[in-house]
Amino acid sequence: MNKRLILAGAILGLAAGPALAGGSDPAAGKKVYDEACFACHGTGAAGAPKVGDKAAWAPRIQQGMDVLVQNAIKGKGAMPPKGGRMDLSDDAIRDAVAYMVSQSK
């Protein structure tokens, strides 16, 4: 990474790298969540665990990020692959999952 960029990030108080292991970025994931995931994970529609519901997320989080991301990409239960948003990249899905996990611990 460029030294000037790292210095600028340090001055602004920004992290120089990804916020979570595995290259995910919860901050970028919030945008994806707001646009694509909120419809179910904000309301609990179709049994989706609501973001912030620690009890509902705990057993899912214990499975690990890789499992959560693969479930989101491939679909699970009533959730279609990528939540029905096939236009989203796998990285965008990873970021959205990272955001939801960060808000549900």
PDB file of N, CA and C in Angstrom:
ATOM      1  N   MET A   1       0.844  -1.169   0.000  1.00  0.00           N
ATOM      2  CA  MET A   1       0.000   0.000   0.000  1.00  0.00           C
ATOM      3  C   MET A   1       0.897   1.242   0.000  1.00  0.00           C
ATOM      4  N   ASN A   2       0.482   2.269  -0.643  1.00  0.00           N
ATOM      5  CA  ASN A   2       1.207   3.516  -0.749  1.00  0.00           C
ATOM      6  C   ASN A   2       1.410   4.138   0.632  1.00  0.00           C
ATOM      7  N   LYS A   3       2.656   4.566   0.934  1.00  0.00           N
ATOM      8  CA  LYS A   3       2.975   5.137   2.248  1.00  0.00           C
ATOM      9  C   LYS A   3       2.161   6.390   2.527  1.00  0.00           C
ATOM     10  N   ARG A   4       1.923   7.209   1.507  1.00  0.00           N
ATOM     11  CA  ARG A   4       1.115   8.420   1.713  1.00  0.00           C
ATOM     12  C   ARG A   4      -0.309   8.063   2.086  1.00  0.00           C
ATOM     13  N   LEU A   5      -0.860   7.046   1.450  1.00  0.00           N
ATOM     14  CA  LEU A   5      -2.213   6.609   1.752  1.00  0.00           C
ATOM     15  C   LEU A   5      -2.302   6.080   3.171  1.00  0.00           C
ATOM     16  N   ILE A   6      -1.305   5.314   3.586  1.00  0.00           N
ATOM     17  CA  ILE A   6      -1.284   4.794   4.950  1.00  0.00           C
ATOM     18  C   ILE A   6      -1.201   5.955   5.937  1.00  0.00           C
ATOM     19  N   LEU A   7      -0.335   6.921   5.671  1.00  0.00           N
ATOM     20  CA  LEU A   7      -0.192   8.073   6.548  1.00  0.00           C
ATOM     21  C   LEU A   7      -1.489   8.870   6.602  1.00  0.00           C
ATOM     22  N   ALA A   8      -2.110   9.098   5.456  1.00  0.00           N
ATOM     23  CA  ALA A   8      -3.378   9.834   5.435  1.00  0.00           C
ATOM     24  C   ALA A   8      -4.439   9.092   6.234  1.00  0.00           C
ATOM     25  N   GLY A   9      -4.477   7.779   6.091  1.00  0.00           N
ATOM     26  CA  GLY A   9      -5.438   6.986   6.867  1.00  0.00           C
ATOM     27  C   GLY A   9      -5.165   7.073   8.346  1.00  0.00           C
ATOM     28  N   ALA A  10      -3.886   7.047   8.722  1.00  0.00           N
ATOM     29  CA  ALA A  10      -3.526   7.145  10.135  1.00  0.00           C
ATOM     30  C   ALA A  10      -3.922   8.502  10.696  1.00  0.00           C
ATOM     31  N   ILE A  11      -3.712   9.552   9.924  1.00  0.00           N
ATOM     32  CA  ILE A  11      -4.070  10.895  10.381  1.00  0.00           C
ATOM     33  C   ILE A  11      -5.580  11.010  10.561  1.00  0.00           C
ATOM     34  N   LEU A  12      -6.333  10.426   9.655  1.00  0.00           N
ATOM     35  CA  LEU A  12      -7.790  10.479   9.737  1.00  0.00           C
ATOM     36  C   LEU A  12      -8.369   9.452  10.701  1.00  0.00           C
ATOM     37  N   GLY A  13      -7.507   8.567  11.218  1.00  0.00           N
ATOM     38  CA  GLY A  13      -7.985   7.533  12.130  1.00  0.00           C
ATOM     39  C   GLY A  13      -8.607   6.350  11.430  1.00  0.00           C
ATOM     40  N   LEU A  14      -8.257   6.167  10.171  1.00  0.00           N
ATOM     41  CA  LEU A  14      -8.809   5.055   9.408  1.00  0.00           C
ATOM     42  C   LEU A  14      -7.884   3.857   9.488  1.00  0.00           C
ATOM     43  N   ALA A  15      -8.439   2.673   9.394  1.00  0.00           N
ATOM     44  CA  ALA A  15      -7.620   1.463   9.365  1.00  0.00           C
ATOM     45  C   ALA A  15      -6.913   1.383   8.017  1.00  0.00           C
ATOM     46  N   ALA A  16      -5.676   0.910   8.038  1.00  0.00           N
ATOM     47  CA  ALA A  16      -4.917   0.795   6.803  1.00  0.00           C
ATOM     48  C   ALA A  16      -5.297  -0.449   6.019  1.00  0.00           C
ATOM     49  N   GLY A  17      -5.947  -1.403   6.640  1.00  0.00           N
ATOM     50  CA  GLY A  17      -6.300  -2.642   5.963  1.00  0.00           C
ATOM     51  C   GLY A  17      -7.742  -3.014   6.235  1.00  0.00           C
ATOM     52  N   PRO A  18      -8.156  -4.222   5.818  1.00  0.00           N
ATOM     53  CA  PRO A  18      -9.515  -4.668   6.028  1.00  0.00           C
ATOM     54  C   PRO A  18      -9.854  -4.735   7.505  1.00  0.00           C
ATOM     55  N   ALA A  19     -11.100  -4.488   7.822  1.00  0.00           N
ATOM     56  CA  ALA A  19     -11.519  -4.449   9.211  1.00  0.00           C
ATOM     57  C   ALA A  19     -11.610  -5.837   9.838  1.00  0.00           C
ATOM     58  N   LEU A  20     -11.846  -6.855   9.039  1.00  0.00           N
ATOM     59  CA  LEU A  20     -11.957  -8.217   9.559  1.00  0.00           C
ATOM     60  C   LEU A  20     -11.055  -9.133   8.756  1.00  0.00           C
ATOM     61  N   ALA A  21     -10.692 -10.244   9.383  1.00  0.00           N
ATOM     62  CA  ALA A  21      -9.883 -11.249   8.687  1.00  0.00           C
ATOM     63  C   ALA A  21     -10.644 -11.743   7.463  1.00  0.00           C
ATOM     64  N   GLY A  22      -9.929 -12.185   6.477  1.00  0.00           N
ATOM     65  CA  GLY A  22     -10.556 -12.719   5.273  1.00  0.00           C
ATOM     66  C   GLY A  22     -10.806 -11.656   4.227  1.00  0.00           C
ATOM     67  N   GLY A  23     -10.354 -10.425   4.492  1.00  0.00           N
ATOM     68  CA  GLY A  23     -10.490  -9.376   3.500  1.00  0.00           C
ATOM     69  C   GLY A  23     -11.858  -8.731   3.446  1.00  0.00           C
ATOM     70  N   SER A  24     -12.702  -8.949   4.415  1.00  0.00           N
ATOM     71  CA  SER A  24     -14.023  -8.352   4.375  1.00  0.00           C
ATOM     72  C   SER A  24     -13.992  -6.942   4.943  1.00  0.00           C
ATOM     73  N   ASP A  25     -14.932  -6.134   4.515  1.00  0.00           N
ATOM     74  CA  ASP A  25     -15.009  -4.739   4.907  1.00  0.00           C
ATOM     75  C   ASP A  25     -16.432  -4.430   5.366  1.00  0.00           C
ATOM     76  N   PRO A  26     -16.677  -4.470   6.678  1.00  0.00           N
ATOM     77  CA  PRO A  26     -18.036  -4.216   7.175  1.00  0.00           C
ATOM     78  C   PRO A  26     -18.584  -2.853   6.777  1.00  0.00           C
ATOM     79  N   ALA A  27     -17.728  -1.837   6.656  1.00  0.00           N
ATOM     80  CA  ALA A  27     -18.208  -0.510   6.270  1.00  0.00           C
ATOM     81  C   ALA A  27     -18.799  -0.539   4.862  1.00  0.00           C
ATOM     82  N   ALA A  28     -18.112  -1.194   3.931  1.00  0.00           N
ATOM     83  CA  ALA A  28     -18.651  -1.347   2.578  1.00  0.00           C
ATOM     84  C   ALA A  28     -19.883  -2.240   2.607  1.00  0.00           C
ATOM     85  N   GLY A  29     -19.872  -3.215   3.519  1.00  0.00           N
ATOM     86  CA  GLY A  29     -20.999  -4.128   3.642  1.00  0.00           C
ATOM     87  C   GLY A  29     -22.276  -3.470   4.099  1.00  0.00           C
ATOM     88  N   LYS A  30     -22.172  -2.382   4.852  1.00  0.00           N
ATOM     89  CA  LYS A  30     -23.375  -1.671   5.302  1.00  0.00           C
ATOM     90  C   LYS A  30     -24.172  -1.161   4.115  1.00  0.00           C
ATOM     91  N   LYS A  31     -23.471  -0.665   3.103  1.00  0.00           N
ATOM     92  CA  LYS A  31     -24.157  -0.180   1.903  1.00  0.00           C
ATOM     93  C   LYS A  31     -24.903  -1.319   1.214  1.00  0.00           C
ATOM     94  N   VAL A  32     -24.245  -2.459   1.088  1.00  0.00           N
ATOM     95  CA  VAL A  32     -24.890  -3.625   0.475  1.00  0.00           C
ATOM     96  C   VAL A  32     -26.084  -4.061   1.328  1.00  0.00           C
ATOM     97  N   TYR A  33     -25.876  -4.112   2.649  1.00  0.00           N
ATOM     98  CA  TYR A  33     -26.963  -4.488   3.559  1.00  0.00           C
ATOM     99  C   TYR A  33     -28.163  -3.559   3.373  1.00  0.00           C
ATOM    100  N   ASP A  34     -27.912  -2.251   3.370  1.00  0.00           N
ATOM    101  CA  ASP A  34     -28.998  -1.277   3.242  1.00  0.00           C
ATOM    102  C   ASP A  34     -29.752  -1.434   1.925  1.00  0.00           C
ATOM    103  N   GLU A  35     -29.030  -1.792   0.863  1.00  0.00           N
ATOM    104  CA  GLU A  35     -29.645  -1.904  -0.462  1.00  0.00           C
ATOM    105  C   GLU A  35     -30.265  -3.270  -0.741  1.00  0.00           C
ATOM    106  N   ALA A  36     -29.690  -4.327  -0.152  1.00  0.00           N
ATOM    107  CA  ALA A  36     -30.100  -5.662  -0.577  1.00  0.00           C
ATOM    108  C   ALA A  36     -30.569  -6.584   0.551  1.00  0.00           C
ATOM    109  N   CYS A  37     -29.990  -6.467   1.723  1.00  0.00           N
ATOM    110  CA  CYS A  37     -30.217  -7.456   2.777  1.00  0.00           C
ATOM    111  C   CYS A  37     -31.265  -7.026   3.800  1.00  0.00           C
ATOM    112  N   PHE A  38     -31.443  -5.706   3.914  1.00  0.00           N
ATOM    113  CA  PHE A  38     -32.319  -5.173   4.944  1.00  0.00           C
ATOM    114  C   PHE A  38     -33.743  -5.708   4.842  1.00  0.00           C
ATOM    115  N   ALA A  39     -34.226  -5.923   3.641  1.00  0.00           N
ATOM    116  CA  ALA A  39     -35.613  -6.349   3.459  1.00  0.00           C
ATOM    117  C   ALA A  39     -35.953  -7.563   4.313  1.00  0.00           C
ATOM    118  N   CYS A  40     -35.026  -8.486   4.450  1.00  0.00           N
ATOM    119  CA  CYS A  40     -35.269  -9.674   5.279  1.00  0.00           C
ATOM    120  C   CYS A  40     -34.538  -9.606   6.611  1.00  0.00           C
ATOM    121  N   HIS A  41     -33.259  -9.207   6.599  1.00  0.00           N
ATOM    122  CA  HIS A  41     -32.464  -9.226   7.825  1.00  0.00           C
ATOM    123  C   HIS A  41     -32.722  -8.023   8.716  1.00  0.00           C
ATOM    124  N   GLY A  42     -33.473  -7.053   8.226  1.00  0.00           N
ATOM    125  CA  GLY A  42     -33.888  -5.927   9.061  1.00  0.00           C
ATOM    126  C   GLY A  42     -35.258  -6.139   9.666  1.00  0.00           C
ATOM    127  N   THR A  43     -36.031  -7.047   9.060  1.00  0.00           N
ATOM    128  CA  THR A  43     -37.410  -7.263   9.491  1.00  0.00           C
ATOM    129  C   THR A  43     -37.672  -8.662  10.044  1.00  0.00           C
ATOM    130  N   GLY A  44     -36.782  -9.596   9.736  1.00  0.00           N
ATOM    131  CA  GLY A  44     -36.992 -10.983  10.145  1.00  0.00           C
ATOM    132  C   GLY A  44     -37.873 -11.754   9.180  1.00  0.00           C
ATOM    133  N   ALA A  45     -38.111 -11.193   7.999  1.00  0.00           N
ATOM    134  CA  ALA A  45     -38.955 -11.857   7.004  1.00  0.00           C
ATOM    135  C   ALA A  45     -38.408 -13.242   6.675  1.00  0.00           C
ATOM    136  N   ALA A  46     -39.316 -14.174   6.472  1.00  0.00           N
ATOM    137  CA  ALA A  46     -38.995 -15.551   6.092  1.00  0.00           C
ATOM    138  C   ALA A  46     -38.050 -16.227   7.085  1.00  0.00           C
ATOM    139  N   GLY A  47     -38.058 -15.764   8.322  1.00  0.00           N
ATOM    140  CA  GLY A  47     -37.237 -16.378   9.358  1.00  0.00           C
ATOM    141  C   GLY A  47     -35.784 -15.937   9.364  1.00  0.00           C
ATOM    142  N   ALA A  48     -35.458 -14.896   8.581  1.00  0.00           N
ATOM    143  CA  ALA A  48     -34.078 -14.397   8.545  1.00  0.00           C
ATOM    144  C   ALA A  48     -33.705 -13.830   9.911  1.00  0.00           C
ATOM    145  N   PRO A  49     -32.495 -14.131  10.400  1.00  0.00           N
ATOM    146  CA  PRO A  49     -32.088 -13.546  11.679  1.00  0.00           C
ATOM    147  C   PRO A  49     -31.925 -12.035  11.523  1.00  0.00           C
ATOM    148  N   LYS A  50     -32.575 -11.289  12.405  1.00  0.00           N
ATOM    149  CA  LYS A  50     -32.482  -9.833  12.345  1.00  0.00           C
ATOM    150  C   LYS A  50     -31.109  -9.373  12.820  1.00  0.00           C
ATOM    151  N   VAL A  51     -30.564  -8.421  12.098  1.00  0.00           N
ATOM    152  CA  VAL A  51     -29.275  -7.848  12.487  1.00  0.00           C
ATOM    153  C   VAL A  51     -29.424  -7.231  13.870  1.00  0.00           C
ATOM    154  N   GLY A  52     -28.471  -7.564  14.739  1.00  0.00           N
ATOM    155  CA  GLY A  52     -28.493  -7.078  16.112  1.00  0.00           C
ATOM    156  C   GLY A  52     -29.075  -8.067  17.098  1.00  0.00           C
ATOM    157  N   ASP A  53     -29.733  -9.117  16.609  1.00  0.00           N
ATOM    158  CA  ASP A  53     -30.306 -10.145  17.490  1.00  0.00           C
ATOM    159  C   ASP A  53     -29.192 -11.133  17.842  1.00  0.00           C
ATOM    160  N   LYS A  54     -28.519 -10.860  18.945  1.00  0.00           N
ATOM    161  CA  LYS A  54     -27.350 -11.644  19.333  1.00  0.00           C
ATOM    162  C   LYS A  54     -27.668 -13.116  19.527  1.00  0.00           C
ATOM    163  N   ALA A  55     -28.822 -13.421  20.103  1.00  0.00           N
ATOM    164  CA  ALA A  55     -29.191 -14.819  20.340  1.00  0.00           C
ATOM    165  C   ALA A  55     -29.385 -15.576  19.022  1.00  0.00           C
ATOM    166  N   ALA A  56     -30.002 -14.925  18.051  1.00  0.00           N
ATOM    167  CA  ALA A  56     -30.236 -15.575  16.755  1.00  0.00           C
ATOM    168  C   ALA A  56     -28.940 -15.739  15.971  1.00  0.00           C
ATOM    169  N   TRP A  57     -28.036 -14.791  16.107  1.00  0.00           N
ATOM    170  CA  TRP A  57     -26.787 -14.832  15.343  1.00  0.00           C
ATOM    171  C   TRP A  57     -25.710 -15.682  15.982  1.00  0.00           C
ATOM    172  N   ALA A  58     -25.730 -15.860  17.300  1.00  0.00           N
ATOM    173  CA  ALA A  58     -24.639 -16.565  18.000  1.00  0.00           C
ATOM    174  C   ALA A  58     -24.313 -17.926  17.392  1.00  0.00           C
ATOM    175  N   PRO A  59     -25.293 -18.820  17.187  1.00  0.00           N
ATOM    176  CA  PRO A  59     -24.937 -20.123  16.615  1.00  0.00           C
ATOM    177  C   PRO A  59     -24.454 -20.019  15.170  1.00  0.00           C
ATOM    178  N   ARG A  60     -24.909 -19.024  14.470  1.00  0.00           N
ATOM    179  CA  ARG A  60     -24.453 -18.828  13.090  1.00  0.00           C
ATOM    180  C   ARG A  60     -23.010 -18.328  13.080  1.00  0.00           C
ATOM    181  N   ILE A  61     -22.722 -17.362  13.946  1.00  0.00           N
ATOM    182  CA  ILE A  61     -21.370 -16.802  14.026  1.00  0.00           C
ATOM    183  C   ILE A  61     -20.373 -17.880  14.428  1.00  0.00           C
ATOM    184  N   GLN A  62     -20.797 -18.804  15.289  1.00  0.00           N
ATOM    185  CA  GLN A  62     -19.908 -19.893  15.720  1.00  0.00           C
ATOM    186  C   GLN A  62     -19.471 -20.771  14.553  1.00  0.00           C
ATOM    187  N   GLN A  63     -20.241 -20.811  13.487  1.00  0.00           N
ATOM    188  CA  GLN A  63     -19.885 -21.615  12.317  1.00  0.00           C
ATOM    189  C   GLN A  63     -18.695 -21.028  11.573  1.00  0.00           C
ATOM    190  N   GLY A  64     -18.419 -19.758  11.772  1.00  0.00           N
ATOM    191  CA  GLY A  64     -17.301 -19.102  11.106  1.00  0.00           C
ATOM    192  C   GLY A  64     -17.742 -18.320   9.876  1.00  0.00           C
ATOM    193  N   MET A  65     -16.934 -17.339   9.539  1.00  0.00           N
ATOM    194  CA  MET A  65     -17.242 -16.462   8.410  1.00  0.00           C
ATOM    195  C   MET A  65     -17.323 -17.209   7.089  1.00  0.00           C
ATOM    196  N   ASP A  66     -16.429 -18.165   6.873  1.00  0.00           N
ATOM    197  CA  ASP A  66     -16.451 -18.874   5.585  1.00  0.00           C
ATOM    198  C   ASP A  66     -17.777 -19.588   5.360  1.00  0.00           C
ATOM    199  N   VAL A  67     -18.301 -20.214   6.398  1.00  0.00           N
ATOM    200  CA  VAL A  67     -19.591 -20.910   6.284  1.00  0.00           C
ATOM    201  C   VAL A  67     -20.709 -19.902   6.054  1.00  0.00           C
ATOM    202  N   LEU A  68     -20.706 -18.819   6.820  1.00  0.00           N
ATOM    203  CA  LEU A  68     -21.747 -17.799   6.656  1.00  0.00           C
ATOM    204  C   LEU A  68     -21.737 -17.215   5.247  1.00  0.00           C
ATOM    205  N   VAL A  69     -20.552 -16.927   4.754  1.00  0.00           N
ATOM    206  CA  VAL A  69     -20.445 -16.340   3.419  1.00  0.00           C
ATOM    207  C   VAL A  69     -20.915 -17.336   2.360  1.00  0.00           C
ATOM    208  N   GLN A  70     -20.496 -18.578   2.468  1.00  0.00           N
ATOM    209  CA  GLN A  70     -20.933 -19.587   1.496  1.00  0.00           C
ATOM    210  C   GLN A  70     -22.443 -19.787   1.534  1.00  0.00           C
ATOM    211  N   ASN A  71     -23.028 -19.776   2.743  1.00  0.00           N
ATOM    212  CA  ASN A  71     -24.485 -19.879   2.857  1.00  0.00           C
ATOM    213  C   ASN A  71     -25.172 -18.708   2.164  1.00  0.00           C
ATOM    214  N   ALA A  72     -24.609 -17.512   2.336  1.00  0.00           N
ATOM    215  CA  ALA A  72     -25.192 -16.330   1.706  1.00  0.00           C
ATOM    216  C   ALA A  72     -25.040 -16.380   0.187  1.00  0.00           C
ATOM    217  N   ILE A  73     -23.906 -16.855  -0.276  1.00  0.00           N
ATOM    218  CA  ILE A  73     -23.668 -16.928  -1.724  1.00  0.00           C
ATOM    219  C   ILE A  73     -24.534 -18.010  -2.373  1.00  0.00           C
ATOM    220  N   LYS A  74     -24.616 -19.165  -1.742  1.00  0.00           N
ATOM    221  CA  LYS A  74     -25.344 -20.301  -2.325  1.00  0.00           C
ATOM    222  C   LYS A  74     -26.819 -20.331  -1.951  1.00  0.00           C
ATOM    223  N   GLY A  75     -27.180 -19.614  -0.880  1.00  0.00           N
ATOM    224  CA  GLY A  75     -28.555 -19.635  -0.384  1.00  0.00           C
ATOM    225  C   GLY A  75     -28.709 -20.701   0.677  1.00  0.00           C
ATOM    226  N   LYS A  76     -29.663 -20.495   1.561  1.00  0.00           N
ATOM    227  CA  LYS A  76     -29.919 -21.462   2.619  1.00  0.00           C
ATOM    228  C   LYS A  76     -31.354 -21.266   3.104  1.00  0.00           C
ATOM    229  N   GLY A  77     -32.054 -22.374   3.260  1.00  0.00           N
ATOM    230  CA  GLY A  77     -33.446 -22.278   3.698  1.00  0.00           C
ATOM    231  C   GLY A  77     -34.257 -21.458   2.716  1.00  0.00           C
ATOM    232  N   ALA A  78     -34.992 -20.478   3.228  1.00  0.00           N
ATOM    233  CA  ALA A  78     -35.828 -19.635   2.376  1.00  0.00           C
ATOM    234  C   ALA A  78     -35.027 -18.580   1.611  1.00  0.00           C
ATOM    235  N   MET A  79     -33.755 -18.382   1.981  1.00  0.00           N
ATOM    236  CA  MET A  79     -32.950 -17.358   1.315  1.00  0.00           C
ATOM    237  C   MET A  79     -32.384 -17.900   0.007  1.00  0.00           C
ATOM    238  N   PRO A  80     -32.694 -17.219  -1.102  1.00  0.00           N
ATOM    239  CA  PRO A  80     -32.125 -17.647  -2.383  1.00  0.00           C
ATOM    240  C   PRO A  80     -30.639 -17.272  -2.439  1.00  0.00           C
ATOM    241  N   PRO A  81     -29.905 -17.836  -3.393  1.00  0.00           N
ATOM    242  CA  PRO A  81     -28.508 -17.451  -3.553  1.00  0.00           C
ATOM    243  C   PRO A  81     -28.364 -15.928  -3.632  1.00  0.00           C
ATOM    244  N   LYS A  82     -27.389 -15.429  -2.892  1.00  0.00           N
ATOM    245  CA  LYS A  82     -27.089 -13.998  -2.835  1.00  0.00           C
ATOM    246  C   LYS A  82     -28.321 -13.175  -2.481  1.00  0.00           C
ATOM    247  N   GLY A  83     -29.227 -13.770  -1.732  1.00  0.00           N
ATOM    248  CA  GLY A  83     -30.434 -13.052  -1.333  1.00  0.00           C
ATOM    249  C   GLY A  83     -31.269 -12.607  -2.524  1.00  0.00           C
ATOM    250  N   GLY A  84     -31.083 -13.286  -3.646  1.00  0.00           N
ATOM    251  CA  GLY A  84     -31.810 -12.926  -4.858  1.00  0.00           C
ATOM    252  C   GLY A  84     -31.133 -11.831  -5.666  1.00  0.00           C
ATOM    253  N   ARG A  85     -29.982 -11.372  -5.215  1.00  0.00           N
ATOM    254  CA  ARG A  85     -29.252 -10.291  -5.902  1.00  0.00           C
ATOM    255  C   ARG A  85     -28.032 -10.862  -6.606  1.00  0.00           C
ATOM    256  N   MET A  86     -28.273 -11.573  -7.692  1.00  0.00           N
ATOM    257  CA  MET A  86     -27.195 -12.225  -8.422  1.00  0.00           C
ATOM    258  C   MET A  86     -26.230 -11.216  -9.048  1.00  0.00           C
ATOM    259  N   ASP A  87     -26.605  -9.939  -9.068  1.00  0.00           N
ATOM    260  CA  ASP A  87     -25.719  -8.909  -9.595  1.00  0.00           C
ATOM    261  C   ASP A  87     -24.590  -8.561  -8.623  1.00  0.00           C
ATOM    262  N   LEU A  88     -24.699  -9.001  -7.372  1.00  0.00           N
ATOM    263  CA  LEU A  88     -23.668  -8.701  -6.376  1.00  0.00           C
ATOM    264  C   LEU A  88     -22.499  -9.675  -6.493  1.00  0.00           C
ATOM    265  N   SER A  89     -21.305  -9.155  -6.336  1.00  0.00           N
ATOM    266  CA  SER A  89     -20.117 -10.010  -6.364  1.00  0.00           C
ATOM    267  C   SER A  89     -20.018 -10.800  -5.065  1.00  0.00           C
ATOM    268  N   ASP A  90     -19.223 -11.859  -5.099  1.00  0.00           N
ATOM    269  CA  ASP A  90     -18.978 -12.625  -3.874  1.00  0.00           C
ATOM    270  C   ASP A  90     -18.324 -11.744  -2.814  1.00  0.00           C
ATOM    271  N   ASP A  91     -17.454 -10.831  -3.226  1.00  0.00           N
ATOM    272  CA  ASP A  91     -16.820  -9.917  -2.273  1.00  0.00           C
ATOM    273  C   ASP A  91     -17.844  -8.996  -1.621  1.00  0.00           C
ATOM    274  N   ALA A  92     -18.814  -8.523  -2.391  1.00  0.00           N
ATOM    275  CA  ALA A  92     -19.864  -7.670  -1.827  1.00  0.00           C
ATOM    276  C   ALA A  92     -20.695  -8.455  -0.812  1.00  0.00           C
ATOM    277  N   ILE A  93     -20.968  -9.709  -1.115  1.00  0.00           N
ATOM    278  CA  ILE A  93     -21.709 -10.559  -0.180  1.00  0.00           C
ATOM    279  C   ILE A  93     -20.883 -10.751   1.088  1.00  0.00           C
ATOM    280  N   ARG A  94     -19.592 -11.032   0.952  1.00  0.00           N
ATOM    281  CA  ARG A  94     -18.707 -11.189   2.117  1.00  0.00           C
ATOM    282  C   ARG A  94     -18.740  -9.924   2.980  1.00  0.00           C
ATOM    283  N   ASP A  95     -18.683  -8.759   2.346  1.00  0.00           N
ATOM    284  CA  ASP A  95     -18.712  -7.505   3.089  1.00  0.00           C
ATOM    285  C   ASP A  95     -20.035  -7.343   3.836  1.00  0.00           C
ATOM    286  N   ALA A  96     -21.141  -7.688   3.187  1.00  0.00           N
ATOM    287  CA  ALA A  96     -22.450  -7.570   3.827  1.00  0.00           C
ATOM    288  C   ALA A  96     -22.552  -8.513   5.023  1.00  0.00           C
ATOM    289  N   VAL A  97     -22.065  -9.734   4.865  1.00  0.00           N
ATOM    290  CA  VAL A  97     -22.067 -10.691   5.979  1.00  0.00           C
ATOM    291  C   VAL A  97     -21.204 -10.156   7.116  1.00  0.00           C
ATOM    292  N   ALA A  98     -20.045  -9.614   6.791  1.00  0.00           N
ATOM    293  CA  ALA A  98     -19.156  -9.051   7.814  1.00  0.00           C
ATOM    294  C   ALA A  98     -19.854  -7.924   8.560  1.00  0.00           C
ATOM    295  N   TYR A  99     -20.578  -7.093   7.841  1.00  0.00           N
ATOM    296  CA  TYR A  99     -21.329  -6.009   8.496  1.00  0.00           C
ATOM    297  C   TYR A  99     -22.375  -6.591   9.449  1.00  0.00           C
ATOM    298  N   MET A 100     -23.162  -7.545   8.967  1.00  0.00           N
ATOM    299  CA  MET A 100     -24.228  -8.106   9.808  1.00  0.00           C
ATOM    300  C   MET A 100     -23.652  -8.778  11.042  1.00  0.00           C
ATOM    301  N   VAL A 101     -22.552  -9.506  10.878  1.00  0.00           N
ATOM    302  CA  VAL A 101     -21.897 -10.159  12.025  1.00  0.00           C
ATOM    303  C   VAL A 101     -21.384  -9.102  12.993  1.00  0.00           C
ATOM    304  N   SER A 102     -20.753  -8.046  12.477  1.00  0.00           N
ATOM    305  CA  SER A 102     -20.201  -7.012  13.356  1.00  0.00           C
ATOM    306  C   SER A 102     -21.282  -6.324  14.192  1.00  0.00           C
ATOM    307  N   GLN A 103     -22.477  -6.288  13.670  1.00  0.00           N
ATOM    308  CA  GLN A 103     -23.595  -5.638  14.377  1.00  0.00           C
ATOM    309  C   GLN A 103     -24.368  -6.605  15.264  1.00  0.00           C
ATOM    310  N   SER A 104     -24.012  -7.891  15.204  1.00  0.00           N
ATOM    311  CA  SER A 104     -24.810  -8.915  15.893  1.00  0.00           C
ATOM    312  C   SER A 104     -24.019  -9.712  16.918  1.00  0.00           C
ATOM    313  N   LYS A 105     -22.828  -9.269  17.252  1.00  0.00           N
ATOM    314  CA  LYS A 105     -22.011  -9.963  18.258  1.00  0.00           C
ATOM    315  C   LYS A 105     -22.386  -9.493  19.645  1.00  0.00           C
TER     316      LYS A 105
END
